[in-house]
Amino acid sequence: LLALRVNVLESIIFDLSLKKRNAKSVPWWTIFTDRSRL
């Protein structure tokens, strides 16, 4: 299966998100510190 995954492309949504990330970086632990996310 690892060999089959060579041709799998990355999510376009993620690629676009990565370009915005410097302005909207959110630490993973805020899942538990932000009331709405928790």
PDB file of all heavy atoms in Angstrom:
ATOM      1  N   LEU A   1       0.825  -1.206   0.000  1.00  0.00           N
ATOM      2  CA  LEU A   1       0.000   0.000   0.000  1.00  0.00           C
ATOM      3  C   LEU A   1       0.859   1.255   0.000  1.00  0.00           C
ATOM      4  O   LEU A   1       0.505   2.266  -0.618  1.00  0.00           O
ATOM      5  CB  LEU A   1      -0.913  -0.008   1.229  1.00  0.00           C
ATOM      6  CG  LEU A   1      -1.891   1.155   1.368  1.00  0.00           C
ATOM      7  CD1 LEU A   1      -2.860   1.192   0.191  1.00  0.00           C
ATOM      8  CD2 LEU A   1      -2.657   1.048   2.675  1.00  0.00           C
ATOM      9  N   LEU A   2       1.992   1.198   0.665  1.00  0.00           N
ATOM     10  CA  LEU A   2       2.908   2.338   0.705  1.00  0.00           C
ATOM     11  C   LEU A   2       3.333   2.730  -0.713  1.00  0.00           C
ATOM     12  O   LEU A   2       3.417   3.914  -1.043  1.00  0.00           O
ATOM     13  CB  LEU A   2       4.135   1.989   1.553  1.00  0.00           C
ATOM     14  CG  LEU A   2       5.135   3.110   1.831  1.00  0.00           C
ATOM     15  CD1 LEU A   2       4.483   4.212   2.662  1.00  0.00           C
ATOM     16  CD2 LEU A   2       6.361   2.564   2.547  1.00  0.00           C
ATOM     17  N   ALA A   3       3.575   1.728  -1.545  1.00  0.00           N
ATOM     18  CA  ALA A   3       3.961   2.002  -2.934  1.00  0.00           C
ATOM     19  C   ALA A   3       2.821   2.675  -3.700  1.00  0.00           C
ATOM     20  O   ALA A   3       3.053   3.578  -4.531  1.00  0.00           O
ATOM     21  CB  ALA A   3       4.370   0.700  -3.618  1.00  0.00           C
ATOM     22  N   LEU A   4       1.582   2.263  -3.408  1.00  0.00           N
ATOM     23  CA  LEU A   4       0.432   2.865  -4.087  1.00  0.00           C
ATOM     24  C   LEU A   4       0.255   4.329  -3.709  1.00  0.00           C
ATOM     25  O   LEU A   4      -0.257   5.125  -4.490  1.00  0.00           O
ATOM     26  CB  LEU A   4      -0.845   2.091  -3.743  1.00  0.00           C
ATOM     27  CG  LEU A   4      -0.965   0.660  -4.284  1.00  0.00           C
ATOM     28  CD1 LEU A   4      -2.252   0.009  -3.773  1.00  0.00           C
ATOM     29  CD2 LEU A   4      -0.945   0.663  -5.815  1.00  0.00           C
ATOM     30  N   ARG A   5       0.685   4.679  -2.507  1.00  0.00           N
ATOM     31  CA  ARG A   5       0.448   6.034  -2.006  1.00  0.00           C
ATOM     32  C   ARG A   5       1.402   7.065  -2.612  1.00  0.00           C
ATOM     33  O   ARG A   5       1.236   8.258  -2.393  1.00  0.00           O
ATOM     34  CB  ARG A   5       0.578   6.057  -0.482  1.00  0.00           C
ATOM     35  CG  ARG A   5      -0.656   5.480   0.178  1.00  0.00           C
ATOM     36  CD  ARG A   5      -0.702   5.742   1.645  1.00  0.00           C
ATOM     37  NE  ARG A   5      -2.026   5.435   2.141  1.00  0.00           N
ATOM     38  CZ  ARG A   5      -2.293   5.024   3.364  1.00  0.00           C
ATOM     39  NH1 ARG A   5      -1.315   4.843   4.228  1.00  0.00           N
ATOM     40  NH2 ARG A   5      -3.530   4.789   3.738  1.00  0.00           N
ATOM     41  N   VAL A   6       2.379   6.614  -3.363  1.00  0.00           N
ATOM     42  CA  VAL A   6       3.329   7.550  -3.978  1.00  0.00           C
ATOM     43  C   VAL A   6       2.597   8.550  -4.860  1.00  0.00           C
ATOM     44  O   VAL A   6       2.967   9.729  -4.940  1.00  0.00           O
ATOM     45  CB  VAL A   6       4.391   6.775  -4.797  1.00  0.00           C
ATOM     46  CG1 VAL A   6       5.239   7.739  -5.609  1.00  0.00           C
ATOM     47  CG2 VAL A   6       5.264   5.945  -3.872  1.00  0.00           C
ATOM     48  N   ASN A   7       1.526   8.102  -5.531  1.00  0.00           N
ATOM     49  CA  ASN A   7       0.811   8.955  -6.478  1.00  0.00           C
ATOM     50  C   ASN A   7      -0.354   9.730  -5.864  1.00  0.00           C
ATOM     51  O   ASN A   7      -1.079  10.419  -6.577  1.00  0.00           O
ATOM     52  CB  ASN A   7       0.283   8.098  -7.640  1.00  0.00           C
ATOM     53  CG  ASN A   7       1.397   7.495  -8.466  1.00  0.00           C
ATOM     54  OD1 ASN A   7       2.411   8.154  -8.717  1.00  0.00           O
ATOM     55  ND2 ASN A   7       1.235   6.245  -8.879  1.00  0.00           N
ATOM     56  N   VAL A   8      -0.566   9.600  -4.552  1.00  0.00           N
ATOM     57  CA  VAL A   8      -1.656  10.328  -3.907  1.00  0.00           C
ATOM     58  C   VAL A   8      -1.234  11.774  -3.673  1.00  0.00           C
ATOM     59  O   VAL A   8      -0.179  12.043  -3.100  1.00  0.00           O
ATOM     60  CB  VAL A   8      -2.034   9.680  -2.561  1.00  0.00           C
ATOM     61  CG1 VAL A   8      -3.075  10.524  -1.831  1.00  0.00           C
ATOM     62  CG2 VAL A   8      -2.579   8.276  -2.797  1.00  0.00           C
ATOM     63  N   LEU A   9      -2.060  12.722  -4.123  1.00  0.00           N
ATOM     64  CA  LEU A   9      -1.741  14.136  -4.013  1.00  0.00           C
ATOM     65  C   LEU A   9      -2.198  14.692  -2.668  1.00  0.00           C
ATOM     66  O   LEU A   9      -3.099  14.163  -2.030  1.00  0.00           O
ATOM     67  CB  LEU A   9      -2.415  14.920  -5.150  1.00  0.00           C
ATOM     68  CG  LEU A   9      -2.010  14.507  -6.569  1.00  0.00           C
ATOM     69  CD1 LEU A   9      -2.804  15.318  -7.586  1.00  0.00           C
ATOM     70  CD2 LEU A   9      -0.507  14.699  -6.788  1.00  0.00           C
ATOM     71  N   GLU A  10      -1.569  15.779  -2.258  1.00  0.00           N
ATOM     72  CA  GLU A  10      -1.959  16.459  -1.024  1.00  0.00           C
ATOM     73  C   GLU A  10      -3.264  17.213  -1.238  1.00  0.00           C
ATOM     74  O   GLU A  10      -3.623  17.570  -2.373  1.00  0.00           O
ATOM     75  CB  GLU A  10      -0.841  17.416  -0.593  1.00  0.00           C
ATOM     76  CG  GLU A  10      -1.078  18.141   0.727  1.00  0.00           C
ATOM     77  CD  GLU A  10      -1.318  17.171   1.879  1.00  0.00           C
ATOM     78  OE1 GLU A  10      -0.338  16.692   2.463  1.00  0.00           O
ATOM     79  OE2 GLU A  10      -2.501  16.898   2.162  1.00  0.00           O
ATOM     80  N   SER A  11      -3.990  17.431  -0.168  1.00  0.00           N
ATOM     81  CA  SER A  11      -5.225  18.209  -0.209  1.00  0.00           C
ATOM     82  C   SER A  11      -4.939  19.654  -0.622  1.00  0.00           C
ATOM     83  O   SER A  11      -4.066  20.315  -0.050  1.00  0.00           O
ATOM     84  CB  SER A  11      -5.885  18.176   1.176  1.00  0.00           C
ATOM     85  OG  SER A  11      -6.777  19.243   1.331  1.00  0.00           O
ATOM     86  N   ILE A  12      -5.687  20.146  -1.616  1.00  0.00           N
ATOM     87  CA  ILE A  12      -5.520  21.533  -2.050  1.00  0.00           C
ATOM     88  C   ILE A  12      -5.910  22.479  -0.924  1.00  0.00           C
ATOM     89  O   ILE A  12      -5.279  23.522  -0.708  1.00  0.00           O
ATOM     90  CB  ILE A  12      -6.378  21.799  -3.310  1.00  0.00           C
ATOM     91  CG1 ILE A  12      -5.853  20.960  -4.484  1.00  0.00           C
ATOM     92  CG2 ILE A  12      -6.375  23.283  -3.664  1.00  0.00           C
ATOM     93  CD1 ILE A  12      -6.695  21.084  -5.737  1.00  0.00           C
ATOM     94  N   ILE A  13      -6.959  22.105  -0.186  1.00  0.00           N
ATOM     95  CA  ILE A  13      -7.395  22.938   0.937  1.00  0.00           C
ATOM     96  C   ILE A  13      -6.270  23.092   1.954  1.00  0.00           C
ATOM     97  O   ILE A  13      -6.026  24.178   2.479  1.00  0.00           O
ATOM     98  CB  ILE A  13      -8.656  22.332   1.596  1.00  0.00           C
ATOM     99  CG1 ILE A  13      -9.859  22.497   0.663  1.00  0.00           C
ATOM    100  CG2 ILE A  13      -8.940  22.973   2.945  1.00  0.00           C
ATOM    101  CD1 ILE A  13     -11.132  21.885   1.193  1.00  0.00           C
ATOM    102  N   PHE A  14      -5.545  21.992   2.223  1.00  0.00           N
ATOM    103  CA  PHE A  14      -4.431  22.083   3.172  1.00  0.00           C
ATOM    104  C   PHE A  14      -3.319  22.962   2.611  1.00  0.00           C
ATOM    105  O   PHE A  14      -2.745  23.783   3.344  1.00  0.00           O
ATOM    106  CB  PHE A  14      -3.874  20.697   3.492  1.00  0.00           C
ATOM    107  CG  PHE A  14      -2.615  20.746   4.319  1.00  0.00           C
ATOM    108  CD1 PHE A  14      -2.676  20.975   5.690  1.00  0.00           C
ATOM    109  CD2 PHE A  14      -1.363  20.611   3.725  1.00  0.00           C
ATOM    110  CE1 PHE A  14      -1.512  21.057   6.452  1.00  0.00           C
ATOM    111  CE2 PHE A  14      -0.202  20.690   4.483  1.00  0.00           C
ATOM    112  CZ  PHE A  14      -0.282  20.916   5.846  1.00  0.00           C
ATOM    113  N   ASP A  15      -2.988  22.788   1.332  1.00  0.00           N
ATOM    114  CA  ASP A  15      -1.923  23.595   0.731  1.00  0.00           C
ATOM    115  C   ASP A  15      -2.238  25.091   0.815  1.00  0.00           C
ATOM    116  O   ASP A  15      -1.374  25.912   1.126  1.00  0.00           O
ATOM    117  CB  ASP A  15      -1.718  23.196  -0.731  1.00  0.00           C
ATOM    118  CG  ASP A  15      -0.956  21.879  -0.872  1.00  0.00           C
ATOM    119  OD1 ASP A  15      -0.256  21.502   0.091  1.00  0.00           O
ATOM    120  OD2 ASP A  15      -1.069  21.233  -1.929  1.00  0.00           O
ATOM    121  N   LEU A  16      -3.507  25.440   0.551  1.00  0.00           N
ATOM    122  CA  LEU A  16      -3.906  26.844   0.640  1.00  0.00           C
ATOM    123  C   LEU A  16      -3.853  27.330   2.084  1.00  0.00           C
ATOM    124  O   LEU A  16      -3.447  28.460   2.364  1.00  0.00           O
ATOM    125  CB  LEU A  16      -5.323  27.022   0.080  1.00  0.00           C
ATOM    126  CG  LEU A  16      -5.478  26.806  -1.424  1.00  0.00           C
ATOM    127  CD1 LEU A  16      -6.948  26.862  -1.813  1.00  0.00           C
ATOM    128  CD2 LEU A  16      -4.682  27.854  -2.203  1.00  0.00           C
ATOM    129  N   SER A  17      -4.258  26.437   3.001  1.00  0.00           N
ATOM    130  CA  SER A  17      -4.226  26.791   4.418  1.00  0.00           C
ATOM    131  C   SER A  17      -2.800  27.044   4.892  1.00  0.00           C
ATOM    132  O   SER A  17      -2.544  27.951   5.688  1.00  0.00           O
ATOM    133  CB  SER A  17      -4.853  25.666   5.250  1.00  0.00           C
ATOM    134  OG  SER A  17      -4.650  25.864   6.625  1.00  0.00           O
ATOM    135  N   LEU A  18      -1.864  26.245   4.392  1.00  0.00           N
ATOM    136  CA  LEU A  18      -0.473  26.369   4.813  1.00  0.00           C
ATOM    137  C   LEU A  18       0.094  27.737   4.443  1.00  0.00           C
ATOM    138  O   LEU A  18       0.899  28.314   5.178  1.00  0.00           O
ATOM    139  CB  LEU A  18       0.358  25.255   4.170  1.00  0.00           C
ATOM    140  CG  LEU A  18       1.715  24.939   4.814  1.00  0.00           C
ATOM    141  CD1 LEU A  18       1.529  24.514   6.262  1.00  0.00           C
ATOM    142  CD2 LEU A  18       2.424  23.848   4.018  1.00  0.00           C
ATOM    143  N   LYS A  19      -0.363  28.273   3.307  1.00  0.00           N
ATOM    144  CA  LYS A  19       0.117  29.577   2.872  1.00  0.00           C
ATOM    145  C   LYS A  19      -0.389  30.697   3.787  1.00  0.00           C
ATOM    146  O   LYS A  19       0.233  31.737   3.921  1.00  0.00           O
ATOM    147  CB  LYS A  19      -0.328  29.847   1.428  1.00  0.00           C
ATOM    148  CG  LYS A  19       0.306  28.906   0.412  1.00  0.00           C
ATOM    149  CD  LYS A  19      -0.235  29.153  -0.985  1.00  0.00           C
ATOM    150  CE  LYS A  19       0.379  28.171  -1.989  1.00  0.00           C
ATOM    151  NZ  LYS A  19      -0.158  28.357  -3.350  1.00  0.00           N
ATOM    152  N   LYS A  20      -1.546  30.457   4.425  1.00  0.00           N
ATOM    153  CA  LYS A  20      -2.111  31.469   5.325  1.00  0.00           C
ATOM    154  C   LYS A  20      -1.628  31.294   6.760  1.00  0.00           C
ATOM    155  O   LYS A  20      -1.917  32.112   7.619  1.00  0.00           O
ATOM    156  CB  LYS A  20      -3.643  31.369   5.342  1.00  0.00           C
ATOM    157  CG  LYS A  20      -4.317  31.372   3.992  1.00  0.00           C
ATOM    158  CD  LYS A  20      -5.813  31.083   4.198  1.00  0.00           C
ATOM    159  CE  LYS A  20      -6.526  30.848   2.885  1.00  0.00           C
ATOM    160  NZ  LYS A  20      -7.937  30.446   3.101  1.00  0.00           N
ATOM    161  N   ARG A  21      -0.940  30.203   7.020  1.00  0.00           N
ATOM    162  CA  ARG A  21      -0.704  29.750   8.390  1.00  0.00           C
ATOM    163  C   ARG A  21       0.035  30.759   9.270  1.00  0.00           C
ATOM    164  O   ARG A  21      -0.211  30.841  10.470  1.00  0.00           O
ATOM    165  CB  ARG A  21       0.060  28.432   8.374  1.00  0.00           C
ATOM    166  CG  ARG A  21      -0.016  27.650   9.669  1.00  0.00           C
ATOM    167  CD  ARG A  21      -1.438  27.250   9.983  1.00  0.00           C
ATOM    168  NE  ARG A  21      -2.064  26.442   8.968  1.00  0.00           N
ATOM    169  CZ  ARG A  21      -1.955  25.117   8.893  1.00  0.00           C
ATOM    170  NH1 ARG A  21      -1.209  24.467   9.739  1.00  0.00           N
ATOM    171  NH2 ARG A  21      -2.606  24.455   7.947  1.00  0.00           N
ATOM    172  N   ASN A  22       0.948  31.561   8.681  1.00  0.00           N
ATOM    173  CA  ASN A  22       1.689  32.521   9.496  1.00  0.00           C
ATOM    174  C   ASN A  22       0.758  33.525  10.175  1.00  0.00           C
ATOM    175  O   ASN A  22       0.984  33.947  11.305  1.00  0.00           O
ATOM    176  CB  ASN A  22       2.717  33.273   8.640  1.00  0.00           C
ATOM    177  CG  ASN A  22       3.860  32.360   8.221  1.00  0.00           C
ATOM    178  OD1 ASN A  22       4.144  31.374   8.893  1.00  0.00           O
ATOM    179  ND2 ASN A  22       4.491  32.693   7.106  1.00  0.00           N
ATOM    180  N   ALA A  23      -0.323  33.856   9.475  1.00  0.00           N
ATOM    181  CA  ALA A  23      -1.262  34.832  10.028  1.00  0.00           C
ATOM    182  C   ALA A  23      -2.271  34.176  10.969  1.00  0.00           C
ATOM    183  O   ALA A  23      -2.835  34.835  11.823  1.00  0.00           O
ATOM    184  CB  ALA A  23      -2.006  35.539   8.891  1.00  0.00           C
ATOM    185  N   LYS A  24      -2.494  32.870  10.819  1.00  0.00           N
ATOM    186  CA  LYS A  24      -3.553  32.204  11.581  1.00  0.00           C
ATOM    187  C   LYS A  24      -3.045  30.933  12.249  1.00  0.00           C
ATOM    188  O   LYS A  24      -3.697  29.907  12.229  1.00  0.00           O
ATOM    189  CB  LYS A  24      -4.729  31.877  10.665  1.00  0.00           C
ATOM    190  CG  LYS A  24      -5.417  33.099  10.083  1.00  0.00           C
ATOM    191  CD  LYS A  24      -6.633  32.707   9.262  1.00  0.00           C
ATOM    192  CE  LYS A  24      -7.337  33.932   8.710  1.00  0.00           C
ATOM    193  NZ  LYS A  24      -8.535  33.560   7.919  1.00  0.00           N
ATOM    194  N   SER A  25      -1.861  31.002  12.803  1.00  0.00           N
ATOM    195  CA  SER A  25      -1.315  29.836  13.493  1.00  0.00           C
ATOM    196  C   SER A  25      -2.079  29.605  14.797  1.00  0.00           C
ATOM    197  O   SER A  25      -2.238  30.518  15.611  1.00  0.00           O
ATOM    198  CB  SER A  25       0.171  30.068  13.784  1.00  0.00           C
ATOM    199  OG  SER A  25       0.710  28.976  14.477  1.00  0.00           O
ATOM    200  N   VAL A  26      -2.570  28.373  14.987  1.00  0.00           N
ATOM    201  CA  VAL A  26      -3.347  28.026  16.181  1.00  0.00           C
ATOM    202  C   VAL A  26      -2.717  26.801  16.830  1.00  0.00           C
ATOM    203  O   VAL A  26      -2.699  25.727  16.221  1.00  0.00           O
ATOM    204  CB  VAL A  26      -4.824  27.741  15.830  1.00  0.00           C
ATOM    205  CG1 VAL A  26      -5.598  27.329  17.075  1.00  0.00           C
ATOM    206  CG2 VAL A  26      -5.463  28.966  15.191  1.00  0.00           C
ATOM    207  N   PRO A  27      -2.162  26.904  18.036  1.00  0.00           N
ATOM    208  CA  PRO A  27      -1.550  25.750  18.706  1.00  0.00           C
ATOM    209  C   PRO A  27      -2.576  24.638  18.932  1.00  0.00           C
ATOM    210  O   PRO A  27      -3.746  24.914  19.234  1.00  0.00           O
ATOM    211  CB  PRO A  27      -1.052  26.335  20.033  1.00  0.00           C
ATOM    212  CG  PRO A  27      -0.965  27.802  19.812  1.00  0.00           C
ATOM    213  CD  PRO A  27      -2.042  28.135  18.833  1.00  0.00           C
ATOM    214  N   TRP A  28      -2.127  23.399  18.851  1.00  0.00           N
ATOM    215  CA  TRP A  28      -3.048  22.265  18.977  1.00  0.00           C
ATOM    216  C   TRP A  28      -3.694  22.200  20.353  1.00  0.00           C
ATOM    217  O   TRP A  28      -4.843  21.753  20.486  1.00  0.00           O
ATOM    218  CB  TRP A  28      -2.319  20.948  18.680  1.00  0.00           C
ATOM    219  CG  TRP A  28      -1.259  20.591  19.691  1.00  0.00           C
ATOM    220  CD1 TRP A  28       0.053  20.924  19.660  1.00  0.00           C
ATOM    221  CD2 TRP A  28      -1.459  19.840  20.898  1.00  0.00           C
ATOM    222  NE1 TRP A  28       0.698  20.434  20.759  1.00  0.00           N
ATOM    223  CE2 TRP A  28      -0.200  19.757  21.545  1.00  0.00           C
ATOM    224  CE3 TRP A  28      -2.557  19.224  21.493  1.00  0.00           C
ATOM    225  CZ2 TRP A  28      -0.018  19.089  22.744  1.00  0.00           C
ATOM    226  CZ3 TRP A  28      -2.390  18.561  22.698  1.00  0.00           C
ATOM    227  CH2 TRP A  28      -1.129  18.491  23.310  1.00  0.00           C
ATOM    228  N   TRP A  29      -2.988  22.661  21.400  1.00  0.00           N
ATOM    229  CA  TRP A  29      -3.542  22.520  22.753  1.00  0.00           C
ATOM    230  C   TRP A  29      -4.727  23.455  22.999  1.00  0.00           C
ATOM    231  O   TRP A  29      -5.434  23.304  23.989  1.00  0.00           O
ATOM    232  CB  TRP A  29      -2.458  22.750  23.794  1.00  0.00           C
ATOM    233  CG  TRP A  29      -1.792  24.089  23.743  1.00  0.00           C
ATOM    234  CD1 TRP A  29      -2.245  25.273  24.265  1.00  0.00           C
ATOM    235  CD2 TRP A  29      -0.532  24.384  23.130  1.00  0.00           C
ATOM    236  NE1 TRP A  29      -1.362  26.281  24.012  1.00  0.00           N
ATOM    237  CE2 TRP A  29      -0.288  25.764  23.324  1.00  0.00           C
ATOM    238  CE3 TRP A  29       0.413  23.609  22.452  1.00  0.00           C
ATOM    239  CZ2 TRP A  29       0.857  26.385  22.844  1.00  0.00           C
ATOM    240  CZ3 TRP A  29       1.559  24.237  21.976  1.00  0.00           C
ATOM    241  CH2 TRP A  29       1.772  25.608  22.169  1.00  0.00           C
ATOM    242  N   THR A  30      -4.954  24.413  22.090  1.00  0.00           N
ATOM    243  CA  THR A  30      -6.116  25.287  22.265  1.00  0.00           C
ATOM    244  C   THR A  30      -7.425  24.530  22.051  1.00  0.00           C
ATOM    245  O   THR A  30      -8.500  25.067  22.340  1.00  0.00           O
ATOM    246  CB  THR A  30      -6.058  26.486  21.301  1.00  0.00           C
ATOM    247  OG1 THR A  30      -6.003  26.018  19.946  1.00  0.00           O
ATOM    248  CG2 THR A  30      -4.844  27.353  21.583  1.00  0.00           C
ATOM    249  N   ILE A  31      -7.333  23.289  21.557  1.00  0.00           N
ATOM    250  CA  ILE A  31      -8.525  22.431  21.510  1.00  0.00           C
ATOM    251  C   ILE A  31      -9.098  22.277  22.914  1.00  0.00           C
ATOM    252  O   ILE A  31     -10.319  22.202  23.100  1.00  0.00           O
ATOM    253  CB  ILE A  31      -8.169  21.038  20.936  1.00  0.00           C
ATOM    254  CG1 ILE A  31      -7.721  21.148  19.478  1.00  0.00           C
ATOM    255  CG2 ILE A  31      -9.354  20.072  21.060  1.00  0.00           C
ATOM    256  CD1 ILE A  31      -7.105  19.874  18.950  1.00  0.00           C
ATOM    257  N   PHE A  32      -8.227  22.270  23.916  1.00  0.00           N
ATOM    258  CA  PHE A  32      -8.641  22.031  25.293  1.00  0.00           C
ATOM    259  C   PHE A  32      -8.741  23.312  26.126  1.00  0.00           C
ATOM    260  O   PHE A  32      -9.324  23.294  27.204  1.00  0.00           O
ATOM    261  CB  PHE A  32      -7.663  21.061  25.963  1.00  0.00           C
ATOM    262  CG  PHE A  32      -7.510  19.774  25.208  1.00  0.00           C
ATOM    263  CD1 PHE A  32      -6.372  19.533  24.458  1.00  0.00           C
ATOM    264  CD2 PHE A  32      -8.514  18.813  25.220  1.00  0.00           C
ATOM    265  CE1 PHE A  32      -6.229  18.350  23.737  1.00  0.00           C
ATOM    266  CE2 PHE A  32      -8.380  17.643  24.502  1.00  0.00           C
ATOM    267  CZ  PHE A  32      -7.242  17.404  23.763  1.00  0.00           C
ATOM    268  N   THR A  33      -8.173  24.413  25.622  1.00  0.00           N
ATOM    269  CA  THR A  33      -8.221  25.665  26.387  1.00  0.00           C
ATOM    270  C   THR A  33      -9.280  26.629  25.874  1.00  0.00           C
ATOM    271  O   THR A  33      -9.698  27.532  26.604  1.00  0.00           O
ATOM    272  CB  THR A  33      -6.851  26.365  26.368  1.00  0.00           C
ATOM    273  OG1 THR A  33      -6.467  26.625  25.001  1.00  0.00           O
ATOM    274  CG2 THR A  33      -5.791  25.503  27.037  1.00  0.00           C
ATOM    275  N   ASP A  34      -9.713  26.446  24.633  1.00  0.00           N
ATOM    276  CA  ASP A  34     -10.764  27.278  24.058  1.00  0.00           C
ATOM    277  C   ASP A  34     -12.111  26.580  24.273  1.00  0.00           C
ATOM    278  O   ASP A  34     -12.295  25.431  23.855  1.00  0.00           O
ATOM    279  CB  ASP A  34     -10.508  27.507  22.564  1.00  0.00           C
ATOM    280  CG  ASP A  34     -11.562  28.383  21.929  1.00  0.00           C
ATOM    281  OD1 ASP A  34     -12.611  27.826  21.510  1.00  0.00           O
ATOM    282  OD2 ASP A  34     -11.366  29.602  21.855  1.00  0.00           O
ATOM    283  N   ARG A  35     -13.054  27.252  24.926  1.00  0.00           N
ATOM    284  CA  ARG A  35     -14.317  26.618  25.321  1.00  0.00           C
ATOM    285  C   ARG A  35     -15.094  26.069  24.126  1.00  0.00           C
ATOM    286  O   ARG A  35     -15.588  24.941  24.163  1.00  0.00           O
ATOM    287  CB  ARG A  35     -15.180  27.631  26.085  1.00  0.00           C
ATOM    288  CG  ARG A  35     -16.482  27.036  26.645  1.00  0.00           C
ATOM    289  CD  ARG A  35     -17.211  28.042  27.521  1.00  0.00           C
ATOM    290  NE  ARG A  35     -18.418  27.446  28.081  1.00  0.00           N
ATOM    291  CZ  ARG A  35     -19.598  27.443  27.480  1.00  0.00           C
ATOM    292  NH1 ARG A  35     -19.722  28.007  26.284  1.00  0.00           N
ATOM    293  NH2 ARG A  35     -20.651  26.877  28.046  1.00  0.00           N
ATOM    294  N   SER A  36     -15.195  26.844  23.070  1.00  0.00           N
ATOM    295  CA  SER A  36     -15.947  26.404  21.895  1.00  0.00           C
ATOM    296  C   SER A  36     -15.334  25.146  21.277  1.00  0.00           C
ATOM    297  O   SER A  36     -16.044  24.194  20.939  1.00  0.00           O
ATOM    298  CB  SER A  36     -15.982  27.529  20.850  1.00  0.00           C
ATOM    299  OG  SER A  36     -16.510  27.070  19.626  1.00  0.00           O
ATOM    300  N   ARG A  37     -14.007  25.122  21.145  1.00  0.00           N
ATOM    301  CA  ARG A  37     -13.340  23.961  20.555  1.00  0.00           C
ATOM    302  C   ARG A  37     -13.463  22.738  21.449  1.00  0.00           C
ATOM    303  O   ARG A  37     -13.674  21.620  20.972  1.00  0.00           O
ATOM    304  CB  ARG A  37     -11.861  24.270  20.302  1.00  0.00           C
ATOM    305  CG  ARG A  37     -11.654  25.257  19.168  1.00  0.00           C
ATOM    306  CD  ARG A  37     -10.209  25.663  19.019  1.00  0.00           C
ATOM    307  NE  ARG A  37     -10.120  26.853  18.182  1.00  0.00           N
ATOM    308  CZ  ARG A  37      -9.227  27.813  18.323  1.00  0.00           C
ATOM    309  NH1 ARG A  37      -8.326  27.725  19.281  1.00  0.00           N
ATOM    310  NH2 ARG A  37      -9.229  28.856  17.523  1.00  0.00           N
ATOM    311  N   LEU A  38     -13.314  22.945  22.758  1.00  0.00           N
ATOM    312  CA  LEU A  38     -13.407  21.822  23.690  1.00  0.00           C
ATOM    313  C   LEU A  38     -14.796  21.187  23.647  1.00  0.00           C
ATOM    314  O   LEU A  38     -14.923  19.958  23.640  1.00  0.00           O
ATOM    315  CB  LEU A  38     -13.089  22.288  25.109  1.00  0.00           C
ATOM    316  CG  LEU A  38     -13.166  21.205  26.205  1.00  0.00           C
ATOM    317  CD1 LEU A  38     -12.180  20.081  25.912  1.00  0.00           C
ATOM    318  CD2 LEU A  38     -12.904  21.822  27.577  1.00  0.00           C
TER     319      LEU A  38
END
